[in-house]
Protein backbone atom coordinates (compact mmCIF):
# COMPACT_ATOMS: atom_id res chain seq x y z
CA UNK A 1 -3.58 -6.50 -10.63
CA UNK A 2 -6.14 -4.04 -9.19
CA UNK A 3 -5.98 -2.99 -5.54
CA UNK A 4 -7.83 -5.24 -3.16
CA UNK A 5 -10.60 -3.85 -0.97
CA UNK A 6 -10.17 -5.19 2.57
CA UNK A 7 -13.04 -5.44 4.97
CA UNK A 8 -12.96 -3.68 8.31
CA UNK A 9 -11.94 -6.91 10.05
CA UNK A 10 -8.93 -7.66 7.85
CA UNK A 11 -5.78 -8.20 9.86
CA UNK A 12 -2.87 -5.83 9.25
CA UNK A 13 0.45 -6.69 7.67
CA UNK A 14 3.47 -6.06 9.88
CA UNK A 15 6.11 -4.22 7.88
CA UNK A 16 9.67 -4.02 9.18
CA UNK A 17 11.85 -1.42 7.50
CA UNK A 18 9.03 0.88 6.37
CA UNK A 19 11.05 4.05 7.04
CA UNK A 20 13.84 2.97 4.67
CA UNK A 21 14.15 3.75 0.97
CA UNK A 22 13.00 0.35 -0.28
CA UNK A 23 10.64 0.00 2.68
CA UNK A 24 8.86 3.19 1.66
CA UNK A 25 8.29 1.81 -1.82
CA UNK A 26 6.96 -1.45 -0.36
CA UNK A 27 4.67 0.47 1.99
CA UNK A 28 3.21 2.46 -0.91
CA UNK A 29 2.59 -0.72 -2.88
CA UNK A 30 0.86 -2.39 0.05
CA UNK A 31 -1.36 0.63 0.67
CA UNK A 32 -2.17 0.90 -3.04
CA UNK A 33 -3.45 -2.67 -2.88
CA UNK A 34 -5.76 -1.74 -0.01
CA UNK A 35 -3.76 -3.41 2.74
CA UNK A 36 -3.73 -2.36 6.36
CA UNK A 37 -0.15 -1.86 7.52
CA UNK A 38 1.41 -1.93 10.97
CA UNK A 39 4.98 -0.58 10.92
CA UNK A 40 7.63 -1.69 13.39
CA UNK A 41 9.75 1.41 14.03
CA UNK A 42 12.72 1.68 16.33
CA UNK A 43 12.40 3.97 19.36
CA UNK A 44 13.47 7.50 18.50
CA UNK A 45 13.00 7.12 14.76
CA UNK A 46 10.90 9.83 13.13
CA UNK A 47 7.59 8.58 11.76
CA UNK A 48 6.38 11.91 10.33
CA UNK A 49 6.86 10.60 6.80
CA UNK A 50 4.53 7.64 7.30
CA UNK A 51 0.89 7.97 6.19
CA UNK A 52 -1.56 8.50 9.03
CA UNK A 53 -3.33 5.26 8.11
CA UNK A 54 -0.26 3.26 9.17
CA UNK A 55 -0.29 1.86 12.70
CA UNK A 56 3.09 2.45 14.34
CA UNK A 57 4.46 -0.01 16.90
CA UNK A 58 7.78 0.79 18.55
CA UNK A 59 10.29 -2.00 18.75
CA UNK A 60 13.71 -3.23 17.72
CA UNK A 61 14.73 -6.49 16.07
CA UNK A 62 17.52 -6.80 18.60
CA UNK A 63 15.04 -6.51 21.47
CA UNK A 64 13.07 -9.75 21.28
CA UNK A 65 10.70 -8.65 24.07
CA UNK A 66 9.47 -5.78 21.88
CA UNK A 67 8.34 -8.01 19.01
CA UNK A 68 5.43 -9.86 20.63
CA UNK A 69 2.98 -6.97 20.41
CA UNK A 70 4.13 -6.15 16.88
CA UNK A 71 3.47 -9.65 15.50
CA UNK A 72 0.24 -10.28 17.38
CA UNK A 73 -2.81 -10.61 15.13
CA UNK A 74 -1.13 -9.89 11.77
CA UNK A 75 -1.85 -11.61 8.47
CA UNK A 76 1.79 -11.47 7.33
CA UNK A 77 5.23 -10.16 8.21
CA UNK A 78 7.20 -8.30 5.54
CA UNK A 79 10.79 -7.34 6.27
CA UNK A 80 13.35 -5.41 4.26
CA UNK A 81 15.37 -4.41 7.34
CA UNK A 82 19.16 -4.56 7.09
CA UNK A 83 22.00 -3.61 9.38
CA UNK A 84 25.12 -4.44 7.38
CA UNK A 85 25.01 -1.18 5.40
CA UNK A 86 25.50 0.76 8.66
CA UNK A 87 23.30 3.62 7.45
CA UNK A 88 22.27 4.43 11.02
CA UNK A 89 24.36 4.62 14.18
CA UNK A 90 24.55 1.23 15.85
CA UNK A 91 23.66 -0.74 12.71
CA UNK A 92 25.59 -3.95 12.14
CA UNK A 93 25.24 -7.49 10.85
CA UNK A 94 23.61 -8.36 14.18
CA UNK A 95 20.35 -7.06 12.70
CA UNK A 96 20.69 -9.38 9.70
CA UNK A 97 21.48 -12.37 11.89
CA UNK A 98 20.22 -12.12 15.46
CA UNK A 99 17.51 -9.60 14.55
CA UNK A 100 16.00 -11.78 11.85
CA UNK A 101 16.03 -14.80 14.17
CA UNK A 102 14.20 -12.79 16.82
CA UNK A 103 11.57 -11.71 14.31
CA UNK A 104 11.12 -15.26 13.03
CA UNK A 105 10.73 -16.56 16.59
CA UNK A 106 8.10 -13.91 17.31
CA UNK A 107 6.25 -14.76 14.09
CA UNK A 108 6.26 -18.43 15.02
CA UNK A 109 4.95 -17.72 18.51
CA UNK A 110 2.16 -15.55 17.05
CA UNK A 111 1.35 -18.20 14.41
CA UNK A 112 1.75 -15.67 11.60
CA UNK A 113 0.53 -17.38 8.40
CA UNK A 114 3.13 -15.83 6.07
CA UNK A 115 6.60 -14.31 6.42
CA UNK A 116 7.94 -12.44 3.38
CA UNK A 117 11.71 -12.07 3.57
CA UNK A 118 13.60 -9.67 1.31
CA UNK A 119 16.66 -11.83 0.66
CA UNK A 120 19.50 -11.57 -1.91
CA UNK A 121 20.06 -13.30 -5.23
CA UNK A 122 22.38 -16.35 -4.98
CA UNK A 123 22.86 -15.81 -1.24
CA UNK A 124 23.14 -19.59 -0.72
CA UNK A 125 26.16 -19.69 -3.05
CA UNK A 126 28.14 -16.94 -1.31
CA UNK A 127 29.44 -18.10 2.10
CA UNK A 128 32.30 -15.59 1.89
CA UNK A 129 29.99 -12.57 1.59
CA UNK A 130 28.74 -11.90 5.13
CA UNK A 131 25.53 -10.02 4.31
CA UNK A 132 24.59 -12.51 1.57
CA UNK A 133 25.15 -15.47 3.90
CA UNK A 134 23.09 -13.81 6.65
CA UNK A 135 20.09 -13.90 4.31
CA UNK A 136 20.70 -17.59 3.59
CA UNK A 137 20.81 -18.22 7.33
CA UNK A 138 17.47 -16.42 7.74
CA UNK A 139 15.93 -18.60 5.03
CA UNK A 140 17.27 -21.70 6.76
CA UNK A 141 15.93 -20.54 10.12
CA UNK A 142 12.46 -19.92 8.68
CA UNK A 143 12.45 -23.50 7.39
CA UNK A 144 13.81 -24.89 10.66
CA UNK A 145 11.14 -23.07 12.69
CA UNK A 146 8.43 -24.17 10.24
CA UNK A 147 7.26 -20.59 9.66
CA UNK A 148 5.41 -20.37 6.31
CA UNK A 149 7.54 -18.07 4.19
CA UNK A 150 8.30 -16.52 0.83
CA UNK A 151 11.88 -15.48 0.12
CA UNK A 152 12.41 -12.91 -2.63
CA UNK A 153 15.95 -12.77 -3.97
CA UNK A 154 16.57 -9.60 -6.01
CA UNK A 155 19.69 -8.78 -7.95
CA UNK A 156 21.71 -5.54 -7.73
CA UNK A 157 19.53 -2.47 -7.23
CA UNK A 158 19.35 0.22 -9.89
CA UNK A 159 18.64 3.08 -7.54
CA UNK A 160 19.70 6.55 -6.45
CA UNK A 161 20.97 6.18 -2.88
CA UNK A 162 20.52 9.13 -0.53
CA UNK A 163 23.39 11.05 0.99
CA UNK A 164 27.06 11.21 0.01
CA UNK A 165 27.11 7.95 -1.95
CA UNK A 166 24.28 9.15 -4.19
CA UNK A 167 26.06 12.45 -4.70
CA UNK A 168 29.24 10.58 -5.61
CA UNK A 169 27.33 8.43 -8.12
CA UNK A 170 25.81 11.51 -9.72
CA UNK A 171 29.15 13.28 -9.99
CA UNK A 172 30.77 10.20 -11.48
CA UNK A 173 28.10 9.83 -14.15
CA UNK A 174 28.23 13.55 -14.89
CA UNK A 175 31.93 13.02 -15.59
CA UNK A 176 31.15 10.04 -17.82
CA UNK A 177 31.90 7.15 -15.47
CA UNK A 178 29.93 4.42 -13.68
CA UNK A 179 31.25 1.80 -11.28
CA UNK A 180 32.10 -1.42 -13.10
CA UNK A 181 31.32 -4.45 -10.94
CA UNK A 182 32.34 -7.08 -13.51
CA UNK A 183 34.67 -7.18 -16.51
CA UNK A 184 33.64 -7.86 -20.08
CA UNK A 185 32.08 -11.30 -20.46
CA UNK A 186 30.96 -11.66 -16.83
CA UNK A 187 27.40 -10.51 -16.25
CA UNK A 188 25.23 -9.87 -13.21
CA UNK A 189 21.52 -9.23 -12.70
CA UNK A 190 20.10 -5.76 -12.03
CA UNK A 191 16.61 -4.69 -10.97
CA UNK A 192 14.84 -1.46 -10.03
CA UNK A 193 13.71 -1.21 -6.37
CA UNK A 194 10.21 -0.25 -7.56
CA UNK A 195 9.91 -3.68 -9.20
CA UNK A 196 11.13 -5.38 -6.03
CA UNK A 197 8.51 -3.49 -4.02
CA UNK A 198 5.79 -4.54 -6.44
CA UNK A 199 6.81 -8.19 -6.14
CA UNK A 200 6.84 -7.99 -2.33
CA UNK A 201 3.31 -6.58 -2.25
CA UNK A 202 2.06 -9.33 -4.57
CA UNK A 203 3.88 -12.06 -2.64
CA UNK A 204 2.03 -11.15 0.55
CA UNK A 205 -1.10 -13.06 -0.41
CA UNK A 206 -0.44 -14.97 -3.64
CA UNK A 207 -0.93 -18.63 -2.69
CA UNK A 208 1.44 -19.72 -5.47
CA UNK A 209 4.36 -17.91 -3.84
CA UNK A 210 4.21 -19.63 -0.46
CA UNK A 211 7.22 -21.81 0.27
CA UNK A 212 9.25 -20.50 -2.67
CA UNK A 213 12.63 -18.80 -2.97
CA UNK A 214 12.10 -16.52 -5.95
CA UNK A 215 14.81 -14.81 -7.99
CA UNK A 216 13.99 -11.24 -9.07
CA UNK A 217 15.70 -9.55 -11.99
CA UNK A 218 15.36 -7.72 -15.27
CA UNK A 219 15.12 -9.06 -18.79
CA UNK A 220 18.88 -9.66 -19.12
CA UNK A 221 22.09 -9.49 -17.06
CA UNK A 222 24.88 -7.06 -17.96
CA UNK A 223 28.65 -6.93 -17.66
CA UNK A 224 30.33 -3.77 -16.40
CA UNK A 225 31.07 -2.46 -19.92
CA UNK A 226 27.53 -3.34 -21.05
CA UNK A 227 26.10 -1.48 -18.07
CA UNK A 228 28.20 1.59 -18.87
CA UNK A 229 27.08 1.42 -22.51
CA UNK A 230 23.43 1.21 -21.43
CA UNK A 231 23.76 4.25 -19.16
CA UNK A 232 25.45 6.10 -22.00
CA UNK A 233 22.67 5.15 -24.41
CA UNK A 234 19.98 6.41 -22.05
CA UNK A 235 21.87 9.66 -21.45
CA UNK A 236 22.86 10.10 -25.08
CA UNK A 237 26.58 10.52 -24.36
CA UNK A 238 29.60 8.25 -23.77
CA UNK A 239 30.00 6.60 -20.36
CA UNK A 240 32.95 4.43 -19.37
CA UNK A 241 33.71 2.06 -16.49
CA UNK A 242 35.30 3.24 -13.24
CA UNK A 243 37.10 0.93 -10.84
CA UNK A 244 35.24 -0.84 -8.04
CA UNK A 245 36.08 0.39 -4.49
CA UNK A 246 38.94 -0.99 -2.48
CA UNK A 247 40.04 -0.53 1.12
CA UNK A 248 39.53 -1.89 4.58
CA UNK A 249 36.95 -1.73 7.32
CA UNK A 250 34.11 -4.18 8.08
CA UNK A 251 31.64 -2.73 5.59
CA UNK A 252 34.23 -2.32 2.84
CA UNK A 253 35.49 -5.86 3.44
CA UNK A 254 31.93 -7.11 2.99
CA UNK A 255 31.50 -5.11 -0.23
CA UNK A 256 34.85 -6.27 -1.59
CA UNK A 257 33.82 -9.89 -0.91
CA UNK A 258 30.59 -9.17 -2.80
CA UNK A 259 32.47 -7.82 -5.80
CA UNK A 260 34.69 -10.91 -5.77
CA UNK A 261 31.57 -13.07 -5.79
CA UNK A 262 30.24 -11.15 -8.78
CA UNK A 263 33.34 -12.29 -10.71
CA UNK A 264 32.18 -15.91 -10.42
CA UNK A 265 29.31 -15.31 -12.86
CA UNK A 266 26.81 -16.87 -10.39
CA UNK A 267 24.91 -13.65 -9.69
CA UNK A 268 22.33 -14.17 -12.44
CA UNK A 269 18.62 -14.53 -11.81
CA UNK A 270 16.42 -17.24 -13.23
CA UNK A 271 13.30 -15.11 -13.80
CA UNK A 272 10.91 -17.92 -14.83
CA UNK A 273 8.99 -18.02 -11.53
CA UNK A 274 9.08 -14.23 -11.27
CA UNK A 275 7.33 -14.00 -14.63
CA UNK A 276 4.78 -16.67 -13.69
CA UNK A 277 3.80 -15.00 -10.42
CA UNK A 278 4.33 -11.29 -10.92
CA UNK A 279 3.90 -10.70 -14.64
CA UNK A 280 6.30 -9.61 -17.40
CA UNK A 281 9.92 -9.30 -16.32
CA UNK A 282 10.97 -5.63 -16.48
CA UNK A 283 13.45 -4.30 -19.00
CA UNK A 284 16.80 -3.28 -17.56
CA UNK A 285 16.59 -0.04 -19.57
CA UNK A 286 13.56 1.01 -17.54
CA UNK A 287 15.47 0.43 -14.31
CA UNK A 288 18.40 2.47 -15.61
CA UNK A 289 16.07 5.36 -16.45
CA UNK A 290 14.53 5.17 -12.99
CA UNK A 291 17.98 5.31 -11.39
CA UNK A 292 19.13 8.22 -13.52
CA UNK A 293 15.92 10.11 -12.90
CA UNK A 294 16.36 9.62 -9.15
CA UNK A 295 19.87 11.06 -9.46
CA UNK A 296 18.45 14.10 -11.23
CA UNK A 297 20.20 13.26 -14.49
CA UNK A 298 17.08 12.87 -16.64
CA UNK A 299 14.37 15.45 -17.22
CA UNK A 300 11.33 14.79 -15.05
CA UNK A 301 8.22 13.85 -16.97
């Protein structure tokens, strides 16, 4: 779909999470489609990486008083903000629960015509996975508050995370191992973050998307051994399955609960609506190449 050409009076889109990895991809997609973007950025966060065309409004999802100005006069709210991953000091599930409720309340008060929530695949089937269930609660709250919304539910991201975890992934693959999240015969859905970002940008103004909870995935799910074989095929050398993480702590407990949920076989996307609204469903091989390239394990083109 070609970029749109907004007039000078077009209202901006409020983006929450624009300084994050996925948020940056979403921002680029929105700008490529000619959208005006207003970014909600927490006080103290560096905005030097944001394009000059982006309007920056300081605020915090946990500070409800700061959200009124941010949501005033926008055509849509797009949020990919999360706290459960604890990437930044002070992050917690409060962002995913209380923070999302605050943002929804502000959107309702401002009569925002569309709220695009980045949710999680099968979140409504996983009450024992705290960060999954927080997304389900946000979906429920949008419906309860009668805020017009689109919920996009992607599968597991094929991406190169920054920092120590990305370095650990790279080293593991260099030694011929990838993390196996399911055993043979139990498959889960994967998707590249770039495809998620593209879907978010299209969902902002596609009238067919409004009111839907839309699974996002690739052309086929994979088991742990199948995923390892795919990575090996792309790299041209054998790759085997490493064990999933174990251990305590709030974040680890959440991740362990997620891995247990994966064993149920319920984490599989129905991509019919995705294909109808956003075009051909991507091949999982392309996502694997994108991940490996981001890790510096494939030659750059």
